[in-house]
Amino acid sequence: MTIGEVSEKYEITADTLRYYERIGLIPPVPRNKNGIRNFDEEACRWVSFVKCMRSAGVQIEALIEYVTLLQANTGVERRKNILIEQRARLQKQEEHLRSTIERLDYKIENYEKLFAKKN
């Protein structure tokens, strides 16, 4: 797949894909005889993985460390800890979002009661 096709499929800009490759988040993408990136299945799996991790809020630095360890097939315990740390961050965010939603629900109920009294 061309970089444009991958960009469209994963909803990531071509510039972001180039950046991810440059900083090592995705391994060097094979190129055709004209030097144009030709994303194969493995490269697409990396793009999907990195997109998932970034969507989960994993910071670039942590992700670089994770990918570097993964590609070197070392640091199993550290890789696990990176994921545990990220899960803890997401759980905090989830708690905050739940609290915010509950507060919004309370405010909405108050408005609904106010409107009901007026009718």
N, C-alpha and C. Protein backbone atom coordinates (compact mmCIF):
# COMPACT_ATOMS: atom_id res chain seq x y z
N MET A 1 0.84 -1.18 0.00
CA MET A 1 0.00 0.00 0.00
C MET A 1 0.89 1.25 0.00
N THR A 2 0.44 2.25 -0.67
CA THR A 2 1.17 3.51 -0.67
C THR A 2 0.92 4.25 0.64
N ILE A 3 1.71 5.26 0.89
CA ILE A 3 1.54 6.04 2.11
C ILE A 3 0.17 6.72 2.11
N GLY A 4 -0.30 7.13 0.94
CA GLY A 4 -1.62 7.75 0.84
C GLY A 4 -2.73 6.77 1.21
N GLU A 5 -2.61 5.55 0.75
CA GLU A 5 -3.62 4.53 1.05
C GLU A 5 -3.62 4.19 2.55
N VAL A 6 -2.42 4.08 3.12
CA VAL A 6 -2.31 3.79 4.55
C VAL A 6 -2.85 4.96 5.36
N SER A 7 -2.52 6.15 4.91
CA SER A 7 -3.00 7.36 5.57
C SER A 7 -4.53 7.37 5.61
N GLU A 8 -5.14 7.06 4.50
CA GLU A 8 -6.60 7.03 4.43
C GLU A 8 -7.18 5.90 5.27
N LYS A 9 -6.60 4.72 5.15
CA LYS A 9 -7.13 3.55 5.86
C LYS A 9 -7.10 3.75 7.38
N TYR A 10 -5.99 4.30 7.89
CA TYR A 10 -5.83 4.42 9.34
C TYR A 10 -6.14 5.83 9.86
N GLU A 11 -6.54 6.71 8.95
CA GLU A 11 -6.88 8.09 9.30
C GLU A 11 -5.74 8.77 10.06
N ILE A 12 -4.56 8.66 9.46
CA ILE A 12 -3.34 9.28 9.97
C ILE A 12 -2.71 10.01 8.79
N THR A 13 -2.24 11.21 9.02
CA THR A 13 -1.65 11.94 7.91
C THR A 13 -0.36 11.27 7.44
N ALA A 14 -0.04 11.49 6.19
CA ALA A 14 1.21 10.95 5.63
C ALA A 14 2.41 11.51 6.39
N ASP A 15 2.34 12.78 6.77
CA ASP A 15 3.43 13.38 7.55
C ASP A 15 3.61 12.66 8.88
N THR A 16 2.51 12.31 9.53
CA THR A 16 2.60 11.59 10.80
C THR A 16 3.21 10.21 10.60
N LEU A 17 2.83 9.53 9.52
CA LEU A 17 3.41 8.22 9.23
C LEU A 17 4.91 8.34 9.00
N ARG A 18 5.34 9.35 8.27
CA ARG A 18 6.77 9.56 8.04
C ARG A 18 7.49 9.84 9.36
N TYR A 19 6.86 10.65 10.19
CA TYR A 19 7.42 10.99 11.51
C TYR A 19 7.55 9.73 12.36
N TYR A 20 6.51 8.93 12.41
CA TYR A 20 6.57 7.69 13.19
C TYR A 20 7.70 6.78 12.72
N GLU A 21 7.90 6.73 11.41
CA GLU A 21 8.99 5.92 10.87
C GLU A 21 10.34 6.52 11.25
N ARG A 22 10.45 7.84 11.14
CA ARG A 22 11.70 8.52 11.43
C ARG A 22 12.13 8.34 12.88
N ILE A 23 11.17 8.36 13.81
CA ILE A 23 11.53 8.25 15.24
C ILE A 23 11.52 6.80 15.72
N GLY A 24 11.23 5.86 14.84
CA GLY A 24 11.33 4.46 15.19
C GLY A 24 10.07 3.82 15.77
N LEU A 25 8.94 4.51 15.69
CA LEU A 25 7.70 3.89 16.19
C LEU A 25 7.20 2.80 15.25
N ILE A 26 7.52 2.97 13.98
CA ILE A 26 7.27 1.88 13.04
C ILE A 26 8.61 1.60 12.37
N PRO A 27 8.91 0.32 12.14
CA PRO A 27 10.21 0.01 11.52
C PRO A 27 10.28 0.58 10.11
N PRO A 28 11.48 0.68 9.56
CA PRO A 28 11.60 1.21 8.20
C PRO A 28 10.66 0.46 7.24
N VAL A 29 9.90 1.24 6.52
CA VAL A 29 8.92 0.68 5.59
C VAL A 29 9.64 0.29 4.29
N PRO A 30 9.36 -0.91 3.80
CA PRO A 30 9.98 -1.30 2.52
C PRO A 30 9.64 -0.28 1.43
N ARG A 31 10.56 -0.12 0.50
CA ARG A 31 10.35 0.82 -0.61
C ARG A 31 10.46 0.08 -1.93
N ASN A 32 9.73 0.60 -2.90
CA ASN A 32 9.82 -0.02 -4.23
C ASN A 32 11.07 0.49 -4.94
N LYS A 33 11.26 0.07 -6.17
CA LYS A 33 12.49 0.42 -6.92
C LYS A 33 12.64 1.92 -7.13
N ASN A 34 11.53 2.66 -7.04
CA ASN A 34 11.57 4.12 -7.20
C ASN A 34 11.75 4.85 -5.87
N GLY A 35 11.90 4.07 -4.79
CA GLY A 35 12.10 4.67 -3.47
C GLY A 35 10.82 5.07 -2.77
N ILE A 36 9.68 4.69 -3.32
CA ILE A 36 8.39 5.03 -2.72
C ILE A 36 8.03 3.97 -1.68
N ARG A 37 7.58 4.44 -0.51
CA ARG A 37 7.20 3.51 0.55
C ARG A 37 6.11 2.57 0.05
N ASN A 38 6.29 1.29 0.39
CA ASN A 38 5.32 0.27 0.03
C ASN A 38 4.97 -0.48 1.31
N PHE A 39 3.94 -0.01 2.00
CA PHE A 39 3.55 -0.58 3.28
C PHE A 39 3.04 -2.00 3.07
N ASP A 40 3.75 -2.95 3.65
CA ASP A 40 3.30 -4.34 3.59
C ASP A 40 2.44 -4.63 4.82
N GLU A 41 2.03 -5.87 4.96
CA GLU A 41 1.14 -6.26 6.06
C GLU A 41 1.77 -5.98 7.42
N GLU A 42 3.05 -6.29 7.56
CA GLU A 42 3.72 -6.07 8.84
C GLU A 42 3.78 -4.58 9.18
N ALA A 43 4.12 -3.76 8.20
CA ALA A 43 4.18 -2.32 8.43
C ALA A 43 2.80 -1.79 8.83
N CYS A 44 1.76 -2.31 8.20
CA CYS A 44 0.39 -1.89 8.55
C CYS A 44 0.03 -2.32 9.96
N ARG A 45 0.50 -3.49 10.39
CA ARG A 45 0.24 -3.92 11.77
C ARG A 45 0.90 -2.96 12.76
N TRP A 46 2.11 -2.51 12.43
CA TRP A 46 2.79 -1.53 13.29
C TRP A 46 2.01 -0.22 13.33
N VAL A 47 1.54 0.23 12.19
CA VAL A 47 0.76 1.47 12.13
C VAL A 47 -0.48 1.33 13.01
N SER A 48 -1.17 0.21 12.88
CA SER A 48 -2.37 -0.04 13.67
C SER A 48 -2.06 -0.05 15.17
N PHE A 49 -0.96 -0.70 15.54
CA PHE A 49 -0.56 -0.77 16.94
C PHE A 49 -0.24 0.62 17.49
N VAL A 50 0.56 1.37 16.76
CA VAL A 50 0.95 2.70 17.22
C VAL A 50 -0.27 3.61 17.31
N LYS A 51 -1.16 3.52 16.34
CA LYS A 51 -2.38 4.34 16.39
C LYS A 51 -3.20 4.00 17.62
N CYS A 52 -3.33 2.72 17.90
CA CYS A 52 -4.08 2.28 19.08
C CYS A 52 -3.46 2.84 20.36
N MET A 53 -2.15 2.71 20.47
CA MET A 53 -1.46 3.19 21.67
C MET A 53 -1.56 4.71 21.81
N ARG A 54 -1.41 5.42 20.70
CA ARG A 54 -1.53 6.89 20.75
C ARG A 54 -2.96 7.30 21.09
N SER A 55 -3.93 6.57 20.55
CA SER A 55 -5.33 6.86 20.88
C SER A 55 -5.62 6.64 22.35
N ALA A 56 -4.88 5.70 22.94
CA ALA A 56 -5.04 5.42 24.36
C ALA A 56 -4.30 6.44 25.21
N GLY A 57 -3.56 7.33 24.57
CA GLY A 57 -2.87 8.37 25.30
C GLY A 57 -1.44 8.05 25.68
N VAL A 58 -0.90 6.96 25.15
CA VAL A 58 0.48 6.63 25.46
C VAL A 58 1.37 7.72 24.89
N GLN A 59 2.23 8.28 25.72
CA GLN A 59 3.10 9.35 25.28
C GLN A 59 4.16 8.81 24.33
N ILE A 60 4.59 9.68 23.42
CA ILE A 60 5.57 9.30 22.40
C ILE A 60 6.81 8.67 23.04
N GLU A 61 7.32 9.31 24.10
CA GLU A 61 8.56 8.82 24.72
C GLU A 61 8.39 7.40 25.25
N ALA A 62 7.27 7.14 25.93
CA ALA A 62 7.00 5.81 26.47
C ALA A 62 6.82 4.81 25.34
N LEU A 63 6.17 5.25 24.29
CA LEU A 63 5.93 4.36 23.15
C LEU A 63 7.24 4.03 22.43
N ILE A 64 8.11 5.01 22.29
CA ILE A 64 9.42 4.76 21.69
C ILE A 64 10.18 3.73 22.52
N GLU A 65 10.17 3.92 23.82
CA GLU A 65 10.85 2.97 24.70
C GLU A 65 10.26 1.57 24.54
N TYR A 66 8.92 1.50 24.54
CA TYR A 66 8.24 0.21 24.42
C TYR A 66 8.60 -0.47 23.09
N VAL A 67 8.50 0.27 22.00
CA VAL A 67 8.76 -0.30 20.68
C VAL A 67 10.23 -0.71 20.55
N THR A 68 11.13 0.11 21.07
CA THR A 68 12.56 -0.23 21.02
C THR A 68 12.81 -1.54 21.75
N LEU A 69 12.24 -1.68 22.94
CA LEU A 69 12.41 -2.92 23.70
C LEU A 69 11.76 -4.09 22.98
N LEU A 70 10.60 -3.86 22.42
CA LEU A 70 9.88 -4.92 21.71
C LEU A 70 10.68 -5.40 20.50
N GLN A 71 11.18 -4.47 19.72
CA GLN A 71 11.93 -4.84 18.52
C GLN A 71 13.24 -5.55 18.86
N ALA A 72 13.83 -5.19 20.01
CA ALA A 72 15.07 -5.84 20.45
C ALA A 72 14.78 -7.14 21.19
N ASN A 73 13.50 -7.40 21.40
CA ASN A 73 13.07 -8.60 22.14
C ASN A 73 13.72 -8.66 23.52
N THR A 74 13.74 -7.49 24.20
CA THR A 74 14.29 -7.39 25.55
C THR A 74 13.32 -6.62 26.42
N GLY A 75 13.64 -6.53 27.70
CA GLY A 75 12.89 -5.69 28.62
C GLY A 75 11.44 -6.08 28.79
N VAL A 76 11.18 -7.37 28.87
CA VAL A 76 9.80 -7.84 28.98
C VAL A 76 9.11 -7.21 30.19
N GLU A 77 9.79 -7.19 31.33
CA GLU A 77 9.20 -6.62 32.54
C GLU A 77 8.94 -5.13 32.36
N ARG A 78 9.87 -4.40 31.76
CA ARG A 78 9.68 -2.96 31.53
C ARG A 78 8.53 -2.72 30.57
N ARG A 79 8.42 -3.53 29.51
CA ARG A 79 7.31 -3.37 28.56
C ARG A 79 5.98 -3.56 29.28
N LYS A 80 5.93 -4.59 30.12
CA LYS A 80 4.71 -4.84 30.90
C LYS A 80 4.40 -3.64 31.78
N ASN A 81 5.42 -3.10 32.43
CA ASN A 81 5.20 -1.95 33.32
C ASN A 81 4.72 -0.72 32.57
N ILE A 82 5.23 -0.51 31.36
CA ILE A 82 4.75 0.61 30.55
C ILE A 82 3.25 0.47 30.31
N LEU A 83 2.82 -0.74 29.98
CA LEU A 83 1.39 -0.98 29.74
C LEU A 83 0.57 -0.82 31.02
N ILE A 84 1.11 -1.30 32.14
CA ILE A 84 0.41 -1.17 33.42
C ILE A 84 0.26 0.31 33.79
N GLU A 85 1.33 1.07 33.61
CA GLU A 85 1.28 2.50 33.91
C GLU A 85 0.25 3.21 33.04
N GLN A 86 0.20 2.85 31.77
CA GLN A 86 -0.78 3.47 30.87
C GLN A 86 -2.20 3.10 31.26
N ARG A 87 -2.40 1.83 31.62
CA ARG A 87 -3.73 1.42 32.05
C ARG A 87 -4.16 2.21 33.28
N ALA A 88 -3.25 2.42 34.22
CA ALA A 88 -3.57 3.20 35.42
C ALA A 88 -3.95 4.63 35.05
N ARG A 89 -3.23 5.24 34.10
CA ARG A 89 -3.59 6.60 33.65
C ARG A 89 -4.98 6.62 33.03
N LEU A 90 -5.27 5.62 32.20
CA LEU A 90 -6.58 5.55 31.55
C LEU A 90 -7.69 5.35 32.59
N GLN A 91 -7.41 4.54 33.59
CA GLN A 91 -8.43 4.32 34.63
C GLN A 91 -8.71 5.60 35.40
N LYS A 92 -7.67 6.40 35.66
CA LYS A 92 -7.88 7.70 36.31
C LYS A 92 -8.73 8.60 35.43
N GLN A 93 -8.41 8.62 34.13
CA GLN A 93 -9.19 9.44 33.21
C GLN A 93 -10.63 8.97 33.17
N GLU A 94 -10.82 7.66 33.18
CA GLU A 94 -12.16 7.10 33.17
C GLU A 94 -12.94 7.53 34.41
N GLU A 95 -12.30 7.48 35.58
CA GLU A 95 -12.94 7.92 36.82
C GLU A 95 -13.33 9.39 36.73
N HIS A 96 -12.42 10.19 36.21
CA HIS A 96 -12.70 11.62 36.06
C HIS A 96 -13.87 11.85 35.10
N LEU A 97 -13.88 11.13 33.99
CA LEU A 97 -14.99 11.26 33.04
C LEU A 97 -16.31 10.82 33.66
N ARG A 98 -16.29 9.72 34.40
CA ARG A 98 -17.53 9.27 35.07
C ARG A 98 -18.04 10.32 36.03
N SER A 99 -17.15 10.90 36.80
CA SER A 99 -17.53 11.94 37.75
C SER A 99 -18.11 13.14 37.02
N THR A 100 -17.49 13.52 35.93
CA THR A 100 -17.97 14.66 35.15
C THR A 100 -19.34 14.35 34.55
N ILE A 101 -19.53 13.16 34.04
CA ILE A 101 -20.82 12.77 33.46
C ILE A 101 -21.89 12.77 34.54
N GLU A 102 -21.57 12.26 35.71
CA GLU A 102 -22.54 12.26 36.81
C GLU A 102 -22.95 13.69 37.16
N ARG A 103 -21.98 14.59 37.20
CA ARG A 103 -22.29 15.98 37.50
C ARG A 103 -23.16 16.61 36.42
N LEU A 104 -22.83 16.32 35.17
CA LEU A 104 -23.65 16.82 34.07
C LEU A 104 -25.07 16.26 34.14
N ASP A 105 -25.18 14.96 34.43
CA ASP A 105 -26.51 14.35 34.57
C ASP A 105 -27.31 15.05 35.66
N TYR A 106 -26.67 15.34 36.77
CA TYR A 106 -27.33 16.03 37.88
C TYR A 106 -27.82 17.40 37.43
N LYS A 107 -26.97 18.14 36.74
CA LYS A 107 -27.35 19.48 36.28
C LYS A 107 -28.50 19.39 35.27
N ILE A 108 -28.43 18.43 34.36
CA ILE A 108 -29.49 18.25 33.37
C ILE A 108 -30.81 17.93 34.06
N GLU A 109 -30.77 17.04 35.04
CA GLU A 109 -31.99 16.70 35.80
C GLU A 109 -32.58 17.93 36.45
N ASN A 110 -31.74 18.79 37.01
CA ASN A 110 -32.24 20.02 37.64
C ASN A 110 -32.93 20.91 36.63
N TYR A 111 -32.35 21.01 35.43
CA TYR A 111 -32.99 21.81 34.40
C TYR A 111 -34.32 21.19 33.98
N GLU A 112 -34.34 19.88 33.86
CA GLU A 112 -35.59 19.21 33.47
C GLU A 112 -36.67 19.44 34.53
N LYS A 113 -36.31 19.40 35.80
CA LYS A 113 -37.26 19.66 36.88
C LYS A 113 -37.74 21.11 36.82
N LEU A 114 -36.81 22.02 36.54
CA LEU A 114 -37.15 23.44 36.44
C LEU A 114 -38.14 23.67 35.29
N PHE A 115 -37.88 23.05 34.16
CA PHE A 115 -38.78 23.18 33.00
C PHE A 115 -40.12 22.53 33.28
N ALA A 116 -40.13 21.42 33.99
CA ALA A 116 -41.38 20.72 34.32
C ALA A 116 -42.24 21.59 35.22
N LYS A 117 -41.65 22.32 36.15
CA LYS A 117 -42.39 23.20 37.06
C LYS A 117 -43.03 24.35 36.30
N LYS A 118 -42.36 24.83 35.26
CA LYS A 118 -42.88 25.95 34.48
C LYS A 118 -44.06 25.55 33.61
N ASN A 119 -44.16 24.25 33.31
CA ASN A 119 -45.24 23.80 32.44
C ASN A 119 -46.35 23.35 33.28
